[in-house]
Amino acid sequence: MTVAAKICGIKDPVAMQTAIDGGAAYVGLVFYPQSPRAVTPGTAAKLAALVPEGVTKVGLFVDADNAQIARVLEEVSLDMLQLHGNETPERCTDIRNRFGRPVMKVIKVATLDDVNSANDYCDLVDWLMFDAKPPSSMTNALPGGNAVQFDWTLLAGWNWPVPWMLAGGLVADNVAEAVSRSGAAVVDVSSGVESAPGKKDPAEITRFLAAVAEL
């Protein structure tokens, strides 16, 4: 099957151009100040200007208030809002209606019960993403981008009414197995194409996208 890829946490023009040239269908810009991948609206606007038609620009927010989202959208042309915090179904609906953008809710997974919780959001959002829930023993864990995997087979066989992405510990060397075990049609990578937290490695971006292209 054809698998699409999202490169998330892009901070510089070289990484953005590498992702585009490599065939990324989605590019992610992080607006969570505590993340090493965070960008200001001004920087994000310059990066978004590099993105051609047909590539979806996704903005990542974590429990953001309306004012924060509005400030970003005043400067940055985003196609989708990725909600990576503890947003309730009601909050997702409010953001979707208020800002008129498709919304993707991230479900953090460690167990089957976590996967089941996606049903609370299916009728209220446009996309789902399944990412690894950081273990309680992890210090300074981020909402995402922790290079942590979960049991991909937990996703196998589900038929949600909205499309979904797989994230969490993906790299070029395991993405084929992840897709095979989960059935994902879209994969998301951030830390797996970095040389250090927040430092994208163009060679790894290219290698990851080449691996996805072979699926």
Foldseek 3Di string as FASTA:
>chain_A
DAAAEEEELDQDQLQLVLLVVLHHQEYYAECDVVALSHDDLVSQLVSQVVDDPRRAYEYEDEPDDPVSVVVSVVRHDHQEYEYLYDDALVNLQVCCVVVVHFYEYEQADADLVSVVCCVRNLVRGQEYEYEHDDDPPDPPDDSHDPLADHQLLSQPPDDGPHAYEYEYNDFLVCVVVSCVNNVHRYYYYYNNQAPDRSHGDSVRSSSNSVSSRVD
